[in-house]
């Protein structure tokens, strides 16, 4: 068991940020306050179920939190699935405030799954729904850039938190040419499939 008061002090900020971030994405019917409440419920459950003798509570809680949010959105999609037509090349430039962006990318993922190499598919999958590891890495970098900016250093990317291709690349240990090759393949395969669906028009 983990001390609930200590956990609240440590992770209250993270829970508030996650609730705000996911509410902005528009993937949930739940409000920011509801999502925040879900986060606190997960925190309490984790405190009660944390194994004796273990020390990495942060990892334990974050995994549980992100998995819970994924389960929520999967359940909502199961109830009602709606999509919008978006060109894949344009999709990368759509702000993440678009309410159905991730759902659309999920549909594209299913269409392209059999036509992409493993790395390209994994790359597209992470763009559509970043894993907890990618989210955490991106968050740490965002905090680091904010710290540098507060120290008076000239640095970009400190105003708004976003998961970018470079975060995916670094987590998975890919090179810049690897990512560019994957993006080219994704676009090429998508255009080919789109042409087939429209009868070559």
C-alpha atoms as a PDB file:
ATOM      1  CA  UNK A   1       0.000   0.000   0.000  1.00  0.00           C
ATOM      2  CA  UNK A   2       1.155   3.549  -0.802  1.00  0.00           C
ATOM      3  CA  UNK A   3       0.421   6.676   1.249  1.00  0.00           C
ATOM      4  CA  UNK A   4      -2.552   8.407  -0.402  1.00  0.00           C
ATOM      5  CA  UNK A   5      -1.623  11.877   0.901  1.00  0.00           C
ATOM      6  CA  UNK A   6       1.899  11.577  -0.465  1.00  0.00           C
ATOM      7  CA  UNK A   7       0.546  10.325  -3.799  1.00  0.00           C
ATOM      8  CA  UNK A   8      -1.879  13.247  -4.023  1.00  0.00           C
ATOM      9  CA  UNK A   9       0.890  15.779  -3.436  1.00  0.00           C
ATOM     10  CA  UNK A  10       3.100  14.096  -6.041  1.00  0.00           C
ATOM     11  CA  UNK A  11       0.571  13.479  -8.791  1.00  0.00           C
ATOM     12  CA  UNK A  12      -2.174  16.075  -8.435  1.00  0.00           C
ATOM     13  CA  UNK A  13      -0.537  18.231 -11.095  1.00  0.00           C
ATOM     14  CA  UNK A  14      -0.174  15.313 -13.503  1.00  0.00           C
ATOM     15  CA  UNK A  15      -3.819  14.300 -13.046  1.00  0.00           C
ATOM     16  CA  UNK A  16      -5.008  17.860 -13.741  1.00  0.00           C
ATOM     17  CA  UNK A  17      -2.803  18.134 -16.832  1.00  0.00           C
ATOM     18  CA  UNK A  18      -3.874  14.755 -18.222  1.00  0.00           C
ATOM     19  CA  UNK A  19      -7.564  15.608 -17.686  1.00  0.00           C
ATOM     20  CA  UNK A  20      -7.165  18.970 -19.419  1.00  0.00           C
ATOM     21  CA  UNK A  21      -5.135  17.496 -22.288  1.00  0.00           C
ATOM     22  CA  UNK A  22      -7.522  14.634 -23.017  1.00  0.00           C
ATOM     23  CA  UNK A  23     -10.588  16.876 -22.660  1.00  0.00           C
ATOM     24  CA  UNK A  24      -9.142  19.212 -25.307  1.00  0.00           C
ATOM     25  CA  UNK A  25      -8.599  16.280 -27.668  1.00  0.00           C
ATOM     26  CA  UNK A  26     -12.371  15.812 -27.683  1.00  0.00           C
ATOM     27  CA  UNK A  27     -12.219  12.024 -27.631  1.00  0.00           C
ATOM     28  CA  UNK A  28     -14.342  11.709 -24.489  1.00  0.00           C
ATOM     29  CA  UNK A  29     -17.924  12.532 -23.615  1.00  0.00           C
ATOM     30  CA  UNK A  30     -16.630  13.170 -20.096  1.00  0.00           C
ATOM     31  CA  UNK A  31     -15.735  16.738 -19.136  1.00  0.00           C
ATOM     32  CA  UNK A  32     -12.337  17.840 -17.868  1.00  0.00           C
ATOM     33  CA  UNK A  33     -13.664  17.658 -14.301  1.00  0.00           C
ATOM     34  CA  UNK A  34     -14.979  14.135 -14.848  1.00  0.00           C
ATOM     35  CA  UNK A  35     -11.677  13.001 -16.330  1.00  0.00           C
ATOM     36  CA  UNK A  36      -9.868  14.543 -13.372  1.00  0.00           C
ATOM     37  CA  UNK A  37     -12.162  12.587 -11.062  1.00  0.00           C
ATOM     38  CA  UNK A  38     -11.355   9.401 -12.953  1.00  0.00           C
ATOM     39  CA  UNK A  39      -7.671  10.145 -12.411  1.00  0.00           C
ATOM     40  CA  UNK A  40      -8.117  10.490  -8.651  1.00  0.00           C
ATOM     41  CA  UNK A  41     -10.053   7.220  -8.534  1.00  0.00           C
ATOM     42  CA  UNK A  42      -7.201   5.463 -10.336  1.00  0.00           C
ATOM     43  CA  UNK A  43      -4.728   7.061  -7.915  1.00  0.00           C
ATOM     44  CA  UNK A  44      -6.624   5.774  -4.871  1.00  0.00           C
ATOM     45  CA  UNK A  45      -6.939   2.280  -6.366  1.00  0.00           C
ATOM     46  CA  UNK A  46      -3.220   2.230  -7.122  1.00  0.00           C
ATOM     47  CA  UNK A  47      -2.363   3.330  -3.575  1.00  0.00           C
ATOM     48  CA  UNK A  48      -4.437   0.465  -2.181  1.00  0.00           C
ATOM     49  CA  UNK A  49      -3.132  -2.186  -4.566  1.00  0.00           C
ATOM     50  CA  UNK A  50       0.544  -1.124  -4.713  1.00  0.00           C
ATOM     51  CA  UNK A  51       2.598  -4.220  -3.758  1.00  0.00           C
ATOM     52  CA  UNK A  52       4.537  -4.132  -0.509  1.00  0.00           C
ATOM     53  CA  UNK A  53       8.282  -3.804  -0.989  1.00  0.00           C
ATOM     54  CA  UNK A  54       7.990  -2.124  -4.399  1.00  0.00           C
ATOM     55  CA  UNK A  55       9.451   1.346  -4.955  1.00  0.00           C
ATOM     56  CA  UNK A  56       8.403   2.515  -8.435  1.00  0.00           C
ATOM     57  CA  UNK A  57       4.954   3.855  -7.650  1.00  0.00           C
ATOM     58  CA  UNK A  58       5.156   6.584 -10.305  1.00  0.00           C
ATOM     59  CA  UNK A  59       5.524   4.035 -13.096  1.00  0.00           C
ATOM     60  CA  UNK A  60       2.802   1.871 -11.547  1.00  0.00           C
ATOM     61  CA  UNK A  61       0.329   4.758 -11.354  1.00  0.00           C
ATOM     62  CA  UNK A  62       1.061   6.296 -14.766  1.00  0.00           C
ATOM     63  CA  UNK A  63       0.608   2.971 -16.536  1.00  0.00           C
ATOM     64  CA  UNK A  64      -2.697   2.415 -14.737  1.00  0.00           C
ATOM     65  CA  UNK A  65      -3.890   5.958 -15.517  1.00  0.00           C
ATOM     66  CA  UNK A  66      -3.143   5.858 -19.250  1.00  0.00           C
ATOM     67  CA  UNK A  67      -4.541   2.339 -19.574  1.00  0.00           C
ATOM     68  CA  UNK A  68      -7.740   3.459 -17.847  1.00  0.00           C
ATOM     69  CA  UNK A  69      -8.119   6.421 -20.237  1.00  0.00           C
ATOM     70  CA  UNK A  70      -7.577   4.135 -23.220  1.00  0.00           C
ATOM     71  CA  UNK A  71     -10.250   1.789 -21.909  1.00  0.00           C
ATOM     72  CA  UNK A  72     -12.673   4.706 -21.551  1.00  0.00           C
ATOM     73  CA  UNK A  73     -12.221   5.830 -25.126  1.00  0.00           C
ATOM     74  CA  UNK A  74     -12.403   2.271 -26.467  1.00  0.00           C
ATOM     75  CA  UNK A  75     -15.720   1.792 -24.704  1.00  0.00           C
ATOM     76  CA  UNK A  76     -17.066   5.045 -26.142  1.00  0.00           C
ATOM     77  CA  UNK A  77     -15.975   4.071 -29.653  1.00  0.00           C
ATOM     78  CA  UNK A  78     -17.649   0.726 -29.245  1.00  0.00           C
ATOM     79  CA  UNK A  79     -20.954   2.444 -28.510  1.00  0.00           C
ATOM     80  CA  UNK A  80     -20.771   4.928 -31.336  1.00  0.00           C
ATOM     81  CA  UNK A  81     -18.288   5.010 -34.199  1.00  0.00           C
ATOM     82  CA  UNK A  82     -18.365   7.991 -36.511  1.00  0.00           C
ATOM     83  CA  UNK A  83     -15.637   9.145 -38.851  1.00  0.00           C
ATOM     84  CA  UNK A  84     -14.682  11.997 -41.139  1.00  0.00           C
ATOM     85  CA  UNK A  85     -12.783  11.792 -44.404  1.00  0.00           C
ATOM     86  CA  UNK A  86      -9.295  13.239 -44.005  1.00  0.00           C
ATOM     87  CA  UNK A  87      -6.381  13.014 -46.391  1.00  0.00           C
ATOM     88  CA  UNK A  88      -3.509  11.364 -44.525  1.00  0.00           C
ATOM     89  CA  UNK A  89      -1.013  13.964 -45.707  1.00  0.00           C
ATOM     90  CA  UNK A  90      -3.250  16.663 -44.235  1.00  0.00           C
ATOM     91  CA  UNK A  91      -3.963  14.723 -41.062  1.00  0.00           C
ATOM     92  CA  UNK A  92      -0.484  15.316 -39.678  1.00  0.00           C
ATOM     93  CA  UNK A  93      -1.137  19.057 -39.782  1.00  0.00           C
ATOM     94  CA  UNK A  94      -4.544  19.043 -38.094  1.00  0.00           C
ATOM     95  CA  UNK A  95      -4.412  20.536 -34.577  1.00  0.00           C
ATOM     96  CA  UNK A  96      -5.127  17.986 -31.885  1.00  0.00           C
ATOM     97  CA  UNK A  97      -8.234  19.987 -30.918  1.00  0.00           C
ATOM     98  CA  UNK A  98     -10.019  18.324 -33.862  1.00  0.00           C
ATOM     99  CA  UNK A  99     -12.685  16.217 -32.111  1.00  0.00           C
ATOM    100  CA  UNK A 100     -12.404  13.117 -34.283  1.00  0.00           C
ATOM    101  CA  UNK A 101      -8.793  13.150 -35.448  1.00  0.00           C
ATOM    102  CA  UNK A 102      -7.658  10.085 -33.529  1.00  0.00           C
ATOM    103  CA  UNK A 103     -10.756   8.127 -34.455  1.00  0.00           C
ATOM    104  CA  UNK A 104     -10.128   8.904 -38.122  1.00  0.00           C
ATOM    105  CA  UNK A 105      -6.498   7.854 -37.855  1.00  0.00           C
ATOM    106  CA  UNK A 106      -7.579   4.607 -36.199  1.00  0.00           C
ATOM    107  CA  UNK A 107      -9.716   3.815 -39.225  1.00  0.00           C
ATOM    108  CA  UNK A 108      -6.812   4.632 -41.532  1.00  0.00           C
ATOM    109  CA  UNK A 109      -4.582   2.373 -39.433  1.00  0.00           C
ATOM    110  CA  UNK A 110      -6.865  -0.578 -40.070  1.00  0.00           C
ATOM    111  CA  UNK A 111      -6.902   0.110 -43.799  1.00  0.00           C
ATOM    112  CA  UNK A 112      -3.130   0.376 -44.123  1.00  0.00           C
ATOM    113  CA  UNK A 113      -2.099  -2.287 -41.619  1.00  0.00           C
ATOM    114  CA  UNK A 114      -1.373  -5.027 -44.182  1.00  0.00           C
ATOM    115  CA  UNK A 115       0.379  -2.702 -46.625  1.00  0.00           C
ATOM    116  CA  UNK A 116       2.991  -1.082 -44.373  1.00  0.00           C
ATOM    117  CA  UNK A 117       6.270  -2.364 -42.999  1.00  0.00           C
ATOM    118  CA  UNK A 118       6.318  -3.036 -39.280  1.00  0.00           C
ATOM    119  CA  UNK A 119       8.205   0.155 -38.438  1.00  0.00           C
ATOM    120  CA  UNK A 120       5.996   2.395 -40.579  1.00  0.00           C
ATOM    121  CA  UNK A 121       2.862   0.895 -39.089  1.00  0.00           C
ATOM    122  CA  UNK A 122       4.238   1.353 -35.575  1.00  0.00           C
ATOM    123  CA  UNK A 123       5.155   4.951 -36.384  1.00  0.00           C
ATOM    124  CA  UNK A 124       1.656   5.724 -37.683  1.00  0.00           C
ATOM    125  CA  UNK A 125       0.122   3.969 -34.693  1.00  0.00           C
ATOM    126  CA  UNK A 126       2.109   6.175 -32.307  1.00  0.00           C
ATOM    127  CA  UNK A 127       1.035   9.291 -34.208  1.00  0.00           C
ATOM    128  CA  UNK A 128      -2.602   8.259 -33.846  1.00  0.00           C
ATOM    129  CA  UNK A 129      -2.401   7.304 -30.172  1.00  0.00           C
ATOM    130  CA  UNK A 130       0.939   7.799 -28.400  1.00  0.00           C
ATOM    131  CA  UNK A 131       1.926   5.174 -25.860  1.00  0.00           C
ATOM    132  CA  UNK A 132       2.446   6.143 -22.184  1.00  0.00           C
ATOM    133  CA  UNK A 133       6.225   5.926 -22.767  1.00  0.00           C
ATOM    134  CA  UNK A 134       6.076   8.423 -25.634  1.00  0.00           C
ATOM    135  CA  UNK A 135       3.729  10.710 -23.695  1.00  0.00           C
ATOM    136  CA  UNK A 136       6.025  10.674 -20.669  1.00  0.00           C
ATOM    137  CA  UNK A 137       9.130  11.364 -22.764  1.00  0.00           C
ATOM    138  CA  UNK A 138       7.392  14.260 -24.541  1.00  0.00           C
ATOM    139  CA  UNK A 139       6.204  15.657 -21.190  1.00  0.00           C
ATOM    140  CA  UNK A 140       9.707  15.515 -19.700  1.00  0.00           C
ATOM    141  CA  UNK A 141      11.106  17.355 -22.704  1.00  0.00           C
ATOM    142  CA  UNK A 142       8.338  19.941 -22.497  1.00  0.00           C
ATOM    143  CA  UNK A 143       9.143  20.533 -18.799  1.00  0.00           C
ATOM    144  CA  UNK A 144      12.845  20.772 -19.609  1.00  0.00           C
ATOM    145  CA  UNK A 145      12.200  23.400 -22.283  1.00  0.00           C
ATOM    146  CA  UNK A 146      10.014  25.364 -19.869  1.00  0.00           C
ATOM    147  CA  UNK A 147      12.825  25.278 -17.316  1.00  0.00           C
ATOM    148  CA  UNK A 148      15.358  26.538 -19.848  1.00  0.00           C
ATOM    149  CA  UNK A 149      12.986  29.313 -20.908  1.00  0.00           C
ATOM    150  CA  UNK A 150      12.470  30.351 -17.261  1.00  0.00           C
ATOM    151  CA  UNK A 151      16.250  30.653 -16.967  1.00  0.00           C
ATOM    152  CA  UNK A 152      16.263  33.192 -19.794  1.00  0.00           C
ATOM    153  CA  UNK A 153      17.561  30.851 -22.498  1.00  0.00           C
ATOM    154  CA  UNK A 154      16.243  30.989 -26.038  1.00  0.00           C
ATOM    155  CA  UNK A 155      14.326  27.775 -26.651  1.00  0.00           C
ATOM    156  CA  UNK A 156      11.267  26.784 -28.655  1.00  0.00           C
ATOM    157  CA  UNK A 157       8.478  24.363 -27.880  1.00  0.00           C
ATOM    158  CA  UNK A 158       7.845  25.572 -24.324  1.00  0.00           C
ATOM    159  CA  UNK A 159       4.422  27.195 -24.804  1.00  0.00           C
ATOM    160  CA  UNK A 160       2.309  24.231 -25.842  1.00  0.00           C
ATOM    161  CA  UNK A 161       2.666  20.548 -25.097  1.00  0.00           C
ATOM    162  CA  UNK A 162       2.401  18.262 -28.128  1.00  0.00           C
ATOM    163  CA  UNK A 163       3.685  14.816 -29.002  1.00  0.00           C
ATOM    164  CA  UNK A 164       5.818  15.139 -32.121  1.00  0.00           C
ATOM    165  CA  UNK A 165       7.554  12.662 -34.459  1.00  0.00           C
ATOM    166  CA  UNK A 166      10.899  13.390 -32.817  1.00  0.00           C
ATOM    167  CA  UNK A 167       9.570  12.121 -29.483  1.00  0.00           C
ATOM    168  CA  UNK A 168       8.481   8.855 -31.105  1.00  0.00           C
ATOM    169  CA  UNK A 169      11.830   8.562 -32.862  1.00  0.00           C
ATOM    170  CA  UNK A 170      13.833   8.974 -29.665  1.00  0.00           C
ATOM    171  CA  UNK A 171      11.721   6.568 -27.606  1.00  0.00           C
ATOM    172  CA  UNK A 172      12.024   3.837 -30.233  1.00  0.00           C
ATOM    173  CA  UNK A 173      15.660   4.598 -31.079  1.00  0.00           C
ATOM    174  CA  UNK A 174      15.032   5.360 -34.744  1.00  0.00           C
ATOM    175  CA  UNK A 175      17.172   7.694 -36.835  1.00  0.00           C
ATOM    176  CA  UNK A 176      15.944  10.784 -38.681  1.00  0.00           C
ATOM    177  CA  UNK A 177      16.300   9.004 -42.079  1.00  0.00           C
ATOM    178  CA  UNK A 178      14.272   6.087 -40.644  1.00  0.00           C
ATOM    179  CA  UNK A 179      11.404   8.419 -39.778  1.00  0.00           C
ATOM    180  CA  UNK A 180      11.499  10.229 -43.106  1.00  0.00           C
ATOM    181  CA  UNK A 181      11.454   6.894 -44.923  1.00  0.00           C
ATOM    182  CA  UNK A 182       8.465   5.753 -42.846  1.00  0.00           C
ATOM    183  CA  UNK A 183       6.560   8.971 -43.555  1.00  0.00           C
ATOM    184  CA  UNK A 184       7.215   8.632 -47.290  1.00  0.00           C
ATOM    185  CA  UNK A 185       6.022   5.026 -47.203  1.00  0.00           C
ATOM    186  CA  UNK A 186       2.883   5.913 -45.250  1.00  0.00           C
ATOM    187  CA  UNK A 187       1.951   8.659 -47.704  1.00  0.00           C
ATOM    188  CA  UNK A 188       2.734   6.503 -50.740  1.00  0.00           C
ATOM    189  CA  UNK A 189       0.705   3.525 -49.511  1.00  0.00           C
ATOM    190  CA  UNK A 190      -2.182   5.738 -48.438  1.00  0.00           C
ATOM    191  CA  UNK A 191      -2.383   7.447 -51.823  1.00  0.00           C
ATOM    192  CA  UNK A 192      -2.254   4.080 -53.570  1.00  0.00           C
ATOM    193  CA  UNK A 193      -5.091   2.694 -51.423  1.00  0.00           C
ATOM    194  CA  UNK A 194      -7.086   5.871 -51.918  1.00  0.00           C
ATOM    195  CA  UNK A 195      -6.688   5.560 -55.683  1.00  0.00           C
ATOM    196  CA  UNK A 196      -7.876   1.941 -55.578  1.00  0.00           C
ATOM    197  CA  UNK A 197     -10.937   2.885 -53.514  1.00  0.00           C
ATOM    198  CA  UNK A 198     -11.923   5.665 -55.898  1.00  0.00           C
ATOM    199  CA  UNK A 199     -11.398   3.509 -58.980  1.00  0.00           C
ATOM    200  CA  UNK A 200      -8.306   5.371 -60.119  1.00  0.00           C
ATOM    201  CA  UNK A 201      -9.972   8.780 -60.257  1.00  0.00           C
END
